[in-house]
N, C-alpha and C. Protein backbone atom coordinates (compact mmCIF):
# COMPACT_ATOMS: atom_id res chain seq x y z
N MET A 1 4.51 -29.51 17.78
CA MET A 1 3.42 -28.95 16.99
C MET A 1 4.02 -28.06 15.90
N SER A 2 3.61 -28.25 14.66
CA SER A 2 4.14 -27.43 13.57
C SER A 2 3.34 -26.14 13.43
N THR A 3 4.00 -25.13 12.88
CA THR A 3 3.31 -23.86 12.65
C THR A 3 2.70 -23.87 11.25
N PRO A 4 1.60 -23.15 11.06
CA PRO A 4 0.96 -23.10 9.74
C PRO A 4 1.91 -22.47 8.71
N ALA A 5 1.80 -22.92 7.48
CA ALA A 5 2.61 -22.36 6.39
C ALA A 5 2.23 -20.90 6.17
N GLN A 6 3.23 -20.08 5.92
CA GLN A 6 3.00 -18.67 5.65
C GLN A 6 2.53 -18.51 4.20
N LYS A 7 1.52 -17.71 4.02
CA LYS A 7 1.01 -17.38 2.69
C LYS A 7 1.59 -16.02 2.29
N LYS A 8 1.52 -15.71 1.02
CA LYS A 8 2.07 -14.45 0.50
C LYS A 8 0.92 -13.57 0.01
N PHE A 9 1.05 -12.26 0.25
CA PHE A 9 -0.01 -11.31 -0.09
C PHE A 9 0.57 -10.08 -0.77
N LEU A 10 -0.21 -9.50 -1.67
CA LEU A 10 0.08 -8.21 -2.27
C LEU A 10 -0.79 -7.19 -1.57
N VAL A 11 -0.18 -6.12 -1.10
CA VAL A 11 -0.90 -5.05 -0.42
C VAL A 11 -0.72 -3.78 -1.25
N THR A 12 -1.83 -3.16 -1.63
CA THR A 12 -1.75 -1.91 -2.38
C THR A 12 -2.36 -0.80 -1.54
N TYR A 13 -1.70 0.33 -1.57
CA TYR A 13 -2.12 1.52 -0.83
C TYR A 13 -2.61 2.53 -1.86
N SER A 14 -3.85 2.98 -1.72
CA SER A 14 -4.46 3.85 -2.72
C SER A 14 -4.86 5.19 -2.12
N ILE A 15 -4.75 6.21 -2.97
CA ILE A 15 -5.25 7.55 -2.65
C ILE A 15 -5.90 8.08 -3.92
N PRO A 16 -7.18 8.42 -3.88
CA PRO A 16 -7.83 8.96 -5.08
C PRO A 16 -7.11 10.21 -5.60
N LEU A 17 -7.07 10.35 -6.90
CA LEU A 17 -6.40 11.47 -7.55
C LEU A 17 -6.89 12.81 -7.01
N ALA A 18 -8.19 12.95 -6.80
CA ALA A 18 -8.74 14.23 -6.30
C ALA A 18 -8.14 14.58 -4.94
N THR A 19 -7.95 13.58 -4.09
CA THR A 19 -7.33 13.81 -2.78
C THR A 19 -5.89 14.27 -2.95
N MET A 20 -5.16 13.63 -3.86
CA MET A 20 -3.77 14.02 -4.12
C MET A 20 -3.69 15.45 -4.66
N MET A 21 -4.62 15.79 -5.55
CA MET A 21 -4.63 17.14 -6.12
C MET A 21 -4.91 18.18 -5.03
N ASP A 22 -5.87 17.90 -4.16
CA ASP A 22 -6.18 18.81 -3.04
C ASP A 22 -4.97 18.96 -2.12
N TRP A 23 -4.29 17.85 -1.85
CA TRP A 23 -3.12 17.87 -0.97
C TRP A 23 -2.02 18.77 -1.57
N GLY A 24 -1.90 18.75 -2.87
CA GLY A 24 -0.91 19.58 -3.54
C GLY A 24 -1.17 21.07 -3.37
N LYS A 25 -2.39 21.44 -3.02
CA LYS A 25 -2.75 22.85 -2.82
C LYS A 25 -2.54 23.29 -1.37
N THR A 26 -2.17 22.35 -0.50
CA THR A 26 -1.98 22.65 0.92
C THR A 26 -0.76 23.53 1.10
N ASP A 27 -0.83 24.44 2.07
CA ASP A 27 0.31 25.30 2.41
C ASP A 27 1.56 24.45 2.55
N PRO A 28 2.66 24.78 1.86
CA PRO A 28 3.87 23.96 1.88
C PRO A 28 4.42 23.67 3.28
N GLU A 29 4.36 24.63 4.20
CA GLU A 29 4.84 24.38 5.56
C GLU A 29 3.99 23.35 6.27
N LYS A 30 2.68 23.51 6.15
CA LYS A 30 1.76 22.57 6.77
C LYS A 30 1.93 21.18 6.15
N ARG A 31 2.07 21.14 4.84
CA ARG A 31 2.24 19.87 4.14
C ARG A 31 3.53 19.17 4.59
N ALA A 32 4.62 19.92 4.69
CA ALA A 32 5.90 19.33 5.11
C ALA A 32 5.81 18.76 6.52
N ALA A 33 5.15 19.47 7.42
CA ALA A 33 5.00 19.00 8.80
C ALA A 33 4.15 17.73 8.84
N SER A 34 3.07 17.72 8.09
CA SER A 34 2.19 16.54 8.05
C SER A 34 2.90 15.34 7.43
N GLU A 35 3.65 15.59 6.38
CA GLU A 35 4.37 14.49 5.72
C GLU A 35 5.46 13.93 6.63
N LYS A 36 6.11 14.79 7.40
CA LYS A 36 7.13 14.33 8.35
C LYS A 36 6.48 13.44 9.42
N GLU A 37 5.35 13.88 9.94
CA GLU A 37 4.64 13.10 10.96
C GLU A 37 4.17 11.76 10.38
N MET A 38 3.65 11.77 9.15
CA MET A 38 3.20 10.54 8.50
C MET A 38 4.38 9.58 8.32
N LYS A 39 5.54 10.09 7.90
CA LYS A 39 6.71 9.24 7.71
C LYS A 39 7.12 8.60 9.03
N GLU A 40 7.11 9.38 10.11
CA GLU A 40 7.46 8.84 11.42
C GLU A 40 6.50 7.73 11.84
N GLN A 41 5.20 7.96 11.63
CA GLN A 41 4.20 6.94 11.96
C GLN A 41 4.37 5.70 11.09
N TRP A 42 4.63 5.92 9.80
CA TRP A 42 4.82 4.81 8.85
C TRP A 42 6.06 3.99 9.27
N ASP A 43 7.16 4.68 9.59
CA ASP A 43 8.39 3.99 10.01
C ASP A 43 8.16 3.17 11.28
N LYS A 44 7.41 3.73 12.21
CA LYS A 44 7.11 3.02 13.46
C LYS A 44 6.27 1.77 13.17
N TRP A 45 5.25 1.90 12.33
CA TRP A 45 4.41 0.76 11.97
C TRP A 45 5.25 -0.30 11.25
N THR A 46 6.10 0.13 10.33
CA THR A 46 6.94 -0.79 9.57
C THR A 46 7.88 -1.56 10.50
N ALA A 47 8.49 -0.87 11.43
CA ALA A 47 9.39 -1.53 12.37
C ALA A 47 8.65 -2.57 13.22
N ALA A 48 7.44 -2.23 13.63
CA ALA A 48 6.64 -3.14 14.45
C ALA A 48 6.18 -4.38 13.68
N HIS A 49 6.13 -4.30 12.35
CA HIS A 49 5.63 -5.40 11.52
C HIS A 49 6.69 -5.90 10.54
N ALA A 50 7.95 -5.64 10.84
CA ALA A 50 9.05 -5.98 9.92
C ALA A 50 9.09 -7.46 9.57
N SER A 51 8.71 -8.32 10.49
CA SER A 51 8.81 -9.76 10.23
C SER A 51 7.87 -10.24 9.13
N MET A 52 6.83 -9.49 8.84
CA MET A 52 5.89 -9.91 7.80
C MET A 52 6.15 -9.21 6.46
N LEU A 53 6.90 -8.12 6.46
CA LEU A 53 7.12 -7.33 5.25
C LEU A 53 8.27 -7.90 4.42
N LEU A 54 7.99 -8.20 3.17
CA LEU A 54 9.03 -8.65 2.25
C LEU A 54 9.58 -7.48 1.44
N THR A 55 8.67 -6.66 0.91
CA THR A 55 9.06 -5.47 0.14
C THR A 55 8.01 -4.39 0.34
N THR A 56 8.43 -3.15 0.20
CA THR A 56 7.52 -2.01 0.10
C THR A 56 8.14 -1.05 -0.89
N GLU A 57 7.36 -0.68 -1.90
CA GLU A 57 7.87 0.14 -2.98
C GLU A 57 6.85 1.18 -3.41
N VAL A 58 7.34 2.32 -3.86
CA VAL A 58 6.48 3.38 -4.38
C VAL A 58 6.10 3.02 -5.81
N ALA A 59 4.83 3.19 -6.14
CA ALA A 59 4.36 2.91 -7.49
C ALA A 59 4.65 4.12 -8.39
N GLY A 60 5.22 3.86 -9.54
CA GLY A 60 5.53 4.93 -10.48
C GLY A 60 4.41 5.13 -11.49
N LYS A 61 4.75 5.77 -12.58
CA LYS A 61 3.77 6.01 -13.64
C LYS A 61 3.24 4.70 -14.19
N THR A 62 2.03 4.73 -14.71
CA THR A 62 1.34 3.52 -15.15
C THR A 62 1.17 3.50 -16.66
N LYS A 63 1.41 2.35 -17.23
CA LYS A 63 1.13 2.07 -18.64
C LYS A 63 0.03 1.02 -18.69
N ASN A 64 -0.99 1.24 -19.50
CA ASN A 64 -2.06 0.27 -19.70
C ASN A 64 -1.78 -0.46 -21.00
N VAL A 65 -1.67 -1.77 -20.93
CA VAL A 65 -1.35 -2.59 -22.09
C VAL A 65 -2.58 -3.40 -22.48
N THR A 66 -3.03 -3.23 -23.73
CA THR A 66 -4.15 -4.01 -24.26
C THR A 66 -3.74 -4.58 -25.61
N ALA A 67 -4.61 -5.36 -26.20
CA ALA A 67 -4.34 -5.90 -27.53
C ALA A 67 -4.20 -4.77 -28.56
N ASP A 68 -4.75 -3.60 -28.24
CA ASP A 68 -4.69 -2.46 -29.16
C ASP A 68 -3.43 -1.62 -28.98
N GLY A 69 -2.64 -1.90 -27.95
CA GLY A 69 -1.41 -1.14 -27.76
C GLY A 69 -1.18 -0.76 -26.31
N VAL A 70 -0.30 0.23 -26.16
CA VAL A 70 0.12 0.69 -24.83
C VAL A 70 -0.21 2.17 -24.71
N GLN A 71 -0.82 2.53 -23.58
CA GLN A 71 -1.17 3.94 -23.35
C GLN A 71 -0.80 4.32 -21.92
N ASP A 72 -0.44 5.59 -21.74
CA ASP A 72 -0.27 6.13 -20.40
C ASP A 72 -1.63 6.18 -19.74
N THR A 73 -1.68 5.89 -18.46
CA THR A 73 -2.94 5.96 -17.72
C THR A 73 -2.64 6.35 -16.28
N ARG A 74 -3.67 6.54 -15.49
CA ARG A 74 -3.52 6.85 -14.07
C ARG A 74 -4.39 5.90 -13.27
N ASN A 75 -3.95 5.65 -12.06
CA ASN A 75 -4.77 4.90 -11.12
C ASN A 75 -4.50 5.46 -9.72
N ASP A 76 -5.12 4.89 -8.73
CA ASP A 76 -5.01 5.42 -7.37
C ASP A 76 -3.88 4.78 -6.56
N PHE A 77 -3.17 3.80 -7.13
CA PHE A 77 -2.11 3.12 -6.38
C PHE A 77 -0.92 4.04 -6.19
N VAL A 78 -0.43 4.13 -4.96
CA VAL A 78 0.75 4.96 -4.67
C VAL A 78 1.91 4.16 -4.10
N VAL A 79 1.60 3.06 -3.42
CA VAL A 79 2.62 2.21 -2.80
C VAL A 79 2.11 0.78 -2.86
N CYS A 80 3.02 -0.18 -2.91
CA CYS A 80 2.62 -1.57 -2.78
C CYS A 80 3.65 -2.32 -1.93
N SER A 81 3.18 -3.34 -1.26
CA SER A 81 4.03 -4.19 -0.44
C SER A 81 3.73 -5.64 -0.75
N THR A 82 4.71 -6.51 -0.54
CA THR A 82 4.45 -7.93 -0.47
C THR A 82 4.73 -8.33 0.97
N VAL A 83 3.83 -9.13 1.51
CA VAL A 83 3.92 -9.53 2.91
C VAL A 83 3.61 -11.01 3.04
N THR A 84 3.94 -11.56 4.20
CA THR A 84 3.57 -12.93 4.51
C THR A 84 2.67 -12.95 5.73
N GLY A 85 1.87 -13.99 5.83
CA GLY A 85 1.01 -14.15 6.98
C GLY A 85 0.30 -15.48 6.95
N GLU A 86 -0.37 -15.82 8.03
CA GLU A 86 -1.04 -17.10 8.16
C GLU A 86 -2.35 -17.17 7.38
N SER A 87 -3.07 -16.03 7.30
CA SER A 87 -4.35 -16.04 6.59
C SER A 87 -4.65 -14.65 6.03
N HIS A 88 -5.55 -14.64 5.06
CA HIS A 88 -5.99 -13.39 4.44
C HIS A 88 -6.59 -12.47 5.50
N GLU A 89 -7.42 -13.03 6.35
CA GLU A 89 -8.08 -12.25 7.39
C GLU A 89 -7.08 -11.66 8.38
N ALA A 90 -6.10 -12.46 8.78
CA ALA A 90 -5.10 -11.99 9.75
C ALA A 90 -4.25 -10.87 9.17
N VAL A 91 -3.85 -11.02 7.93
CA VAL A 91 -3.03 -9.98 7.30
C VAL A 91 -3.85 -8.70 7.13
N ALA A 92 -5.07 -8.82 6.64
CA ALA A 92 -5.92 -7.63 6.47
C ALA A 92 -6.12 -6.93 7.81
N ALA A 93 -6.34 -7.67 8.87
CA ALA A 93 -6.55 -7.07 10.19
C ALA A 93 -5.31 -6.31 10.66
N THR A 94 -4.14 -6.77 10.27
CA THR A 94 -2.90 -6.09 10.65
C THR A 94 -2.85 -4.66 10.10
N PHE A 95 -3.49 -4.43 8.97
CA PHE A 95 -3.43 -3.12 8.32
C PHE A 95 -4.56 -2.18 8.76
N LYS A 96 -5.44 -2.62 9.66
CA LYS A 96 -6.57 -1.79 10.08
C LYS A 96 -6.14 -0.47 10.72
N ASN A 97 -4.98 -0.45 11.34
CA ASN A 97 -4.50 0.78 12.00
C ASN A 97 -3.25 1.34 11.32
N HIS A 98 -3.09 1.06 10.05
CA HIS A 98 -1.92 1.56 9.31
C HIS A 98 -2.01 3.08 9.15
N PRO A 99 -0.89 3.79 9.29
CA PRO A 99 -0.92 5.25 9.14
C PRO A 99 -1.44 5.76 7.80
N HIS A 100 -1.33 4.96 6.75
CA HIS A 100 -1.84 5.37 5.44
C HIS A 100 -3.32 5.72 5.52
N LEU A 101 -4.05 5.06 6.41
CA LEU A 101 -5.49 5.29 6.52
C LEU A 101 -5.81 6.62 7.19
N GLY A 102 -4.79 7.34 7.66
CA GLY A 102 -5.00 8.69 8.18
C GLY A 102 -5.18 9.73 7.08
N ILE A 103 -4.93 9.32 5.85
CA ILE A 103 -5.12 10.20 4.70
C ILE A 103 -6.59 10.13 4.31
N PRO A 104 -7.28 11.27 4.19
CA PRO A 104 -8.70 11.23 3.82
C PRO A 104 -8.90 10.45 2.51
N THR A 105 -9.88 9.60 2.48
CA THR A 105 -10.31 8.77 1.36
C THR A 105 -9.30 7.69 0.94
N ALA A 106 -8.21 7.53 1.69
CA ALA A 106 -7.22 6.49 1.37
C ALA A 106 -7.77 5.11 1.71
N SER A 107 -7.21 4.11 1.05
CA SER A 107 -7.60 2.73 1.34
C SER A 107 -6.39 1.81 1.14
N ILE A 108 -6.53 0.61 1.67
CA ILE A 108 -5.51 -0.43 1.52
C ILE A 108 -6.22 -1.70 1.06
N GLN A 109 -5.68 -2.32 0.02
CA GLN A 109 -6.24 -3.57 -0.48
C GLN A 109 -5.24 -4.69 -0.20
N VAL A 110 -5.73 -5.83 0.26
CA VAL A 110 -4.89 -6.99 0.56
C VAL A 110 -5.37 -8.16 -0.29
N MET A 111 -4.47 -8.69 -1.12
CA MET A 111 -4.82 -9.79 -2.02
C MET A 111 -3.87 -10.95 -1.81
N GLU A 112 -4.41 -12.14 -1.62
CA GLU A 112 -3.56 -13.31 -1.48
C GLU A 112 -2.94 -13.64 -2.84
N LEU A 113 -1.66 -13.96 -2.83
CA LEU A 113 -0.95 -14.37 -4.04
C LEU A 113 -0.81 -15.89 -4.01
N LYS A 114 -1.17 -16.53 -5.10
CA LYS A 114 -1.10 -17.99 -5.19
C LYS A 114 -0.35 -18.35 -6.47
N PRO A 115 0.33 -19.49 -6.46
CA PRO A 115 1.00 -19.90 -7.69
C PRO A 115 -0.01 -20.08 -8.82
N MET A 116 0.37 -19.67 -10.02
CA MET A 116 -0.52 -19.82 -11.17
C MET A 116 -0.41 -21.27 -11.64
N MET A 117 -1.52 -21.93 -11.71
CA MET A 117 -1.57 -23.32 -12.13
C MET A 117 -2.26 -23.40 -13.49
N TRP A 118 -1.61 -23.95 -14.45
CA TRP A 118 -2.19 -24.08 -15.80
C TRP A 118 -2.61 -25.48 -16.04
């Protein structure tokens, strides 16, 4: 019996700017302890799901490109991953208990990537 072909997905991790601004006002000691705990939880989740993760990268500053030119802009994306999985539903379900969701108002978006056909 053959196994289903693996599909590829883009996963974006978002935190609204207002949440990030509030977090920046948190007592530095409390913030450091919380960030350490989050990193440990994130590392544990990543290790448990390593077989599906292709890349995970921090999103940097954003440029918006239009026909009128290029401008600096902001969005809520903070991290992105590319992953593989059997279906959109299965991959999305895998992220239901991701540590990123412990951040107030945070969200994770999962988008299937398909070859562009012209």
